[in-house]
Protein backbone atom coordinates (compact mmCIF):
# COMPACT_ATOMS: atom_id res chain seq x y z
CA MET A 1 149.29 78.87 126.77
CA SER A 2 146.36 80.21 128.70
CA ASP A 3 145.11 83.70 128.02
CA THR A 4 144.99 84.37 131.73
CA LEU A 5 147.44 84.10 134.53
CA PRO A 6 147.15 82.04 137.66
CA MET A 7 145.56 83.62 140.47
CA VAL A 8 148.14 84.38 143.12
CA PHE A 9 146.86 85.31 146.59
CA SER A 10 148.53 85.57 150.01
CA VAL A 11 146.99 84.43 153.29
CA THR A 12 148.59 86.94 155.74
CA SER A 13 148.15 88.42 159.16
CA GLY A 14 149.56 91.11 161.52
CA LYS A 15 149.64 88.68 164.36
CA GLY A 16 150.68 85.05 164.78
CA GLY A 17 148.36 82.49 166.32
CA VAL A 18 145.21 83.36 164.20
CA GLY A 19 145.09 80.14 162.39
CA LYS A 20 146.54 81.51 159.05
CA THR A 21 148.51 78.52 158.03
CA ASN A 22 145.74 76.10 158.74
CA LEU A 23 143.41 78.20 156.84
CA SER A 24 145.90 78.21 153.92
CA VAL A 25 146.18 74.45 153.80
CA ASN A 26 142.41 73.99 154.00
CA LEU A 27 141.79 76.46 151.34
CA ALA A 28 144.29 74.69 149.04
CA CYS A 29 142.61 71.39 149.89
CA CYS A 30 139.17 72.86 149.01
CA LEU A 31 140.37 74.37 145.63
CA ALA A 32 142.15 71.20 144.72
CA ALA A 33 138.84 69.30 145.47
CA MET A 34 137.18 71.53 143.01
CA GLY A 35 139.43 70.39 140.26
CA LYS A 36 141.77 73.35 140.40
CA ARG A 37 145.56 73.01 140.00
CA VAL A 38 147.01 74.34 143.11
CA VAL A 39 150.49 75.04 144.72
CA LEU A 40 150.71 76.26 148.36
CA VAL A 41 153.96 78.09 149.10
CA ASP A 42 155.13 78.12 152.66
CA ALA A 43 156.47 81.77 152.71
CA ASP A 44 157.07 81.85 156.49
CA LEU A 45 160.61 81.03 155.43
CA GLY A 46 162.42 80.80 158.93
CA LEU A 47 159.38 79.32 160.86
CA ALA A 48 157.79 77.00 158.47
CA ASN A 49 154.98 74.66 159.52
CA VAL A 50 152.73 73.84 156.40
CA ASP A 51 154.42 70.36 156.29
CA VAL A 52 153.89 69.88 160.02
CA ILE A 53 150.19 70.67 159.82
CA LEU A 54 149.95 68.20 156.92
CA GLY A 55 152.06 65.47 158.77
CA LEU A 56 154.46 65.48 155.71
CA THR A 57 158.34 65.26 155.72
CA PRO A 58 159.71 66.72 152.49
CA GLN A 59 163.37 66.10 151.92
CA LYS A 60 164.02 69.52 150.38
CA ASN A 61 162.78 73.00 150.82
CA ILE A 62 163.35 76.60 149.69
CA PHE A 63 166.58 76.69 151.57
CA HIS A 64 167.96 73.99 149.23
CA LEU A 65 166.78 75.95 146.23
CA PHE A 66 168.86 78.97 147.31
CA HIS A 67 171.84 77.41 148.88
CA GLU A 68 172.33 74.01 147.36
CA GLY A 69 171.29 74.39 143.78
CA ALA A 70 168.16 72.24 143.89
CA SER A 71 165.55 72.62 141.09
CA LEU A 72 161.98 73.65 141.64
CA ARG A 73 160.97 70.10 140.57
CA GLU A 74 163.06 68.68 143.31
CA VAL A 75 161.75 70.88 145.95
CA LEU A 76 157.92 70.79 144.97
CA PHE A 77 156.15 68.25 147.15
CA ALA A 78 152.84 66.55 146.15
CA THR A 79 150.46 66.09 149.14
CA PRO A 80 147.77 63.23 149.18
CA TYR A 81 145.21 65.98 149.01
CA GLY A 82 145.59 67.00 145.29
CA PHE A 83 147.81 69.85 145.57
CA SER A 84 151.50 70.51 145.93
CA ILE A 85 153.56 72.52 148.49
CA LEU A 86 156.60 74.52 148.16
CA PRO A 87 158.05 73.89 151.62
CA ALA A 88 160.15 76.17 153.57
CA SER A 89 162.83 75.65 156.39
CA SER A 90 162.30 76.03 160.19
CA GLY A 91 164.94 77.57 162.64
CA VAL A 92 167.36 78.59 159.64
CA GLY A 93 168.47 82.10 160.13
CA GLU A 94 169.67 82.55 156.63
CA MET A 95 166.04 82.43 155.46
CA LEU A 96 164.63 85.22 157.78
CA ALA A 97 165.29 88.04 155.28
CA LEU A 98 165.85 87.39 151.46
CA CYS A 99 168.29 89.50 149.61
CA THR A 100 167.19 91.12 146.27
CA GLY A 101 168.98 88.34 144.33
CA GLN A 102 167.05 85.56 146.19
CA LYS A 103 163.89 87.44 145.53
CA LEU A 104 164.60 87.62 141.81
CA GLU A 105 165.56 83.99 141.88
CA LEU A 106 162.22 82.88 143.44
CA LEU A 107 160.37 84.97 140.93
CA GLU A 108 162.05 83.19 138.18
CA VAL A 109 161.56 79.81 139.65
CA VAL A 110 157.99 80.15 140.48
CA GLY A 111 157.47 81.63 137.08
CA GLU A 112 158.21 78.07 135.65
CA LEU A 113 154.70 77.09 136.91
CA GLU A 114 152.78 79.72 135.11
CA ASP A 115 151.13 77.37 132.62
CA GLU A 116 150.61 74.75 135.13
CA LEU A 117 148.50 76.36 137.72
CA ASP A 118 145.14 77.80 138.52
CA TYR A 119 145.97 79.13 142.05
CA LEU A 120 149.24 79.84 143.88
CA VAL A 121 148.39 80.18 147.58
CA VAL A 122 151.10 82.08 149.53
CA ASP A 123 151.11 81.42 153.25
CA THR A 124 153.15 84.32 154.55
CA GLY A 125 154.62 84.78 158.00
CA ALA A 126 152.89 87.12 160.50
CA GLY A 127 153.91 90.82 161.00
CA ILE A 128 155.42 93.51 158.96
CA SER A 129 158.97 91.96 158.21
CA ASP A 130 160.56 92.49 154.89
CA ASN A 131 159.67 88.84 153.73
CA VAL A 132 156.00 89.34 154.77
CA LEU A 133 155.73 92.59 152.83
CA TYR A 134 157.58 91.16 149.88
CA PHE A 135 155.19 88.24 149.41
CA ASN A 136 152.13 90.39 149.88
CA LEU A 137 153.34 92.72 147.25
CA ALA A 138 153.93 89.94 144.87
CA ALA A 139 150.37 88.57 145.25
CA GLN A 140 147.48 89.77 143.16
CA GLU A 141 145.04 89.53 146.19
CA ARG A 142 145.72 89.64 149.92
CA LEU A 143 143.46 87.66 152.39
CA ILE A 144 144.00 89.27 155.80
CA VAL A 145 143.23 86.83 158.62
CA LEU A 146 142.31 88.08 162.06
CA THR A 147 140.39 86.81 165.17
CA PRO A 148 138.08 88.63 167.57
CA GLU A 149 140.99 89.40 169.87
CA PRO A 150 141.89 93.02 170.20
CA THR A 151 145.69 92.37 169.57
CA SER A 152 144.76 90.62 166.34
CA LEU A 153 142.64 93.59 165.20
CA THR A 154 145.44 96.15 166.00
CA ASP A 155 148.16 94.12 164.31
CA ALA A 156 145.89 93.51 161.21
CA TYR A 157 145.50 97.40 160.88
CA ALA A 158 149.16 97.79 161.26
CA LEU A 159 149.95 95.44 158.41
CA ILE A 160 147.35 97.23 156.16
CA LYS A 161 148.76 100.57 157.13
CA VAL A 162 152.30 99.65 156.17
CA LEU A 163 151.20 98.01 152.88
CA LYS A 164 149.09 101.21 152.13
CA LEU A 165 151.32 104.06 153.13
CA THR A 166 154.71 102.55 152.15
CA HIS A 167 153.62 100.45 149.08
CA GLY A 168 150.32 101.93 147.88
CA VAL A 169 148.29 98.82 148.30
CA GLU A 170 144.62 99.63 148.80
CA HIS A 171 142.47 96.54 148.30
CA PHE A 172 142.36 93.68 150.93
CA LYS A 173 140.07 90.68 151.39
CA VAL A 174 139.49 89.95 155.12
CA CYS A 175 138.66 86.62 156.79
CA VAL A 176 137.59 86.56 160.57
CA ASN A 177 138.71 83.21 161.98
CA MET A 178 137.80 81.51 165.21
CA ALA A 179 134.48 83.58 165.55
CA GLN A 180 132.13 82.78 168.24
CA ASP A 181 129.27 83.79 165.96
CA GLN A 182 128.51 85.86 162.89
CA LYS A 183 127.58 88.89 164.86
CA ILE A 184 130.95 89.17 166.67
CA ALA A 185 132.77 88.42 163.35
CA ARG A 186 130.98 91.37 161.69
CA GLU A 187 131.65 93.58 164.55
CA VAL A 188 135.32 92.91 164.39
CA PHE A 189 135.29 93.58 160.72
CA SER A 190 133.45 96.85 161.15
CA ARG A 191 135.98 98.06 163.69
CA LEU A 192 138.76 97.30 161.29
CA TYR A 193 136.87 98.96 158.41
CA GLN A 194 136.23 102.07 160.45
CA ALA A 195 139.86 102.43 161.49
CA CYS A 196 140.94 102.17 157.98
CA ASP A 197 138.25 104.50 156.65
CA HIS A 198 139.33 107.06 159.16
CA PHE A 199 142.98 106.95 159.02
CA LEU A 200 143.83 105.34 155.74
CA SER A 201 142.02 107.10 152.89
CA GLY A 202 141.38 105.02 149.78
CA VAL A 203 141.76 101.64 151.52
CA SER A 204 138.95 98.99 150.45
CA LEU A 205 138.23 96.13 152.62
CA GLU A 206 135.83 93.24 151.74
CA LEU A 207 134.70 90.70 154.29
CA THR A 208 135.16 87.48 152.31
CA GLY A 209 135.07 84.81 155.04
CA ILE A 210 133.83 83.96 158.60
CA ILE A 211 135.28 80.84 160.00
CA PRO A 212 133.61 79.66 163.17
CA ARG A 213 135.47 78.40 166.28
CA ASP A 214 135.23 74.61 165.97
CA PRO A 215 136.66 71.82 168.08
CA ALA A 216 137.05 69.67 164.76
CA VAL A 217 139.84 72.16 163.75
CA ARG A 218 142.07 71.49 166.82
CA GLU A 219 141.33 67.64 166.45
CA ALA A 220 142.51 67.75 162.96
CA VAL A 221 145.60 69.72 163.79
CA VAL A 222 146.44 67.00 166.48
CA ARG A 223 146.04 64.41 163.73
CA GLN A 224 148.07 66.45 161.30
CA GLU A 225 145.28 66.31 158.77
CA PRO A 226 143.18 69.13 156.89
CA PHE A 227 139.91 69.45 158.84
CA CYS A 228 138.22 69.77 155.53
CA VAL A 229 139.18 66.19 154.94
CA SER A 230 138.86 64.68 158.42
CA ALA A 231 135.53 66.63 159.35
CA PRO A 232 134.18 67.79 155.95
CA GLU A 233 130.72 68.38 157.57
CA SER A 234 131.94 70.47 160.43
CA PRO A 235 130.99 74.06 160.60
CA ALA A 236 134.56 75.32 160.02
CA ALA A 237 134.98 72.98 156.99
CA ARG A 238 131.83 74.24 155.51
CA ALA A 239 132.92 77.92 155.98
CA VAL A 240 136.19 77.26 154.36
CA ASP A 241 134.52 75.62 151.42
CA ARG A 242 132.24 78.71 151.03
CA LEU A 243 135.44 80.82 151.17
CA ALA A 244 137.22 78.77 148.53
CA THR A 245 134.13 79.00 146.30
CA ALA A 246 134.26 82.86 146.69
CA ILE A 247 137.98 82.73 145.72
CA THR A 248 137.16 80.93 142.43
CA HIS A 249 135.11 84.03 141.48
CA TRP A 250 138.12 86.39 142.01
CA GLU A 251 139.25 87.62 138.60
CA PRO A 252 142.76 86.59 137.47
CA PRO A 253 144.60 89.26 135.36
CA ARG A 254 144.57 88.93 131.68
CA GLN A 255 147.91 87.92 130.10
CA THR A 256 149.09 91.02 128.15
CA ASP A 257 152.82 90.50 128.10
CA GLY A 258 154.47 87.06 127.72
CA ASN A 259 157.48 88.45 129.59
CA ILE A 260 155.30 89.30 132.76
CA LYS A 261 155.32 86.51 135.40
CA PHE A 262 152.44 86.18 137.78
CA PHE A 263 154.88 87.29 140.48
CA TRP A 264 155.49 90.87 139.46
CA LYS A 265 159.30 91.73 139.18
CA LYS A 266 158.59 95.51 139.24
CA LEU A 267 157.20 95.18 142.71
CA LEU A 268 160.69 94.46 144.02
CA PHE A 269 161.77 97.96 143.04
CA GLY A 270 158.61 99.86 143.33
């Protein structure tokens, strides 16, 4: 057994349409290309699209785990890119809000992967719903994705505010996606930083990645391929690769208690 736990990080946003899922897919792809053992969880449980972006058609998903007695091994789906996904369902109302029992069940199930993983990437839904907060609380690091749009900035702040004031979360990584240039991206981050510094005492933000606006991204989405594979030399692919490299330097927690899984049960009731 390893003396460290897998690194579990969420990729999350206050607003939809910021490229969060595409970023999650490509980060998983880059980490796998580095020889890391990676599982990507599609945690947008009612509006899942990780499989769509990848052009895959898994036969089972998290719905079958909860409602049809499927095992984790039956649901896990290996991609051609060196990582596996835990797919979710789309348009299934029962998955929009997990009950406490389902949250506990998911913790137990994912805990089975503890000794087989280096990274668990959790692609959350957007906003501040119960599911989004749950997955962000269960992660060890949270990567907030926003774009230069004012509404994206406002909604990113709202998500941080809820996690801070309601749950005491204070540390966040930030990625500015679809940036026209570095200057604009840093200005967006600065506005978010200033708002948090002024209104949310104790919050720590770190600008971890800037992904440029790049036509190769849309072209890859249309082809249902990761742009890090279809256009590895594109500006966006190089930027995601740098972000993935930065993630490999995030410190996973030491394993101090064999009964503690890398999804923390105590956070369900904290």
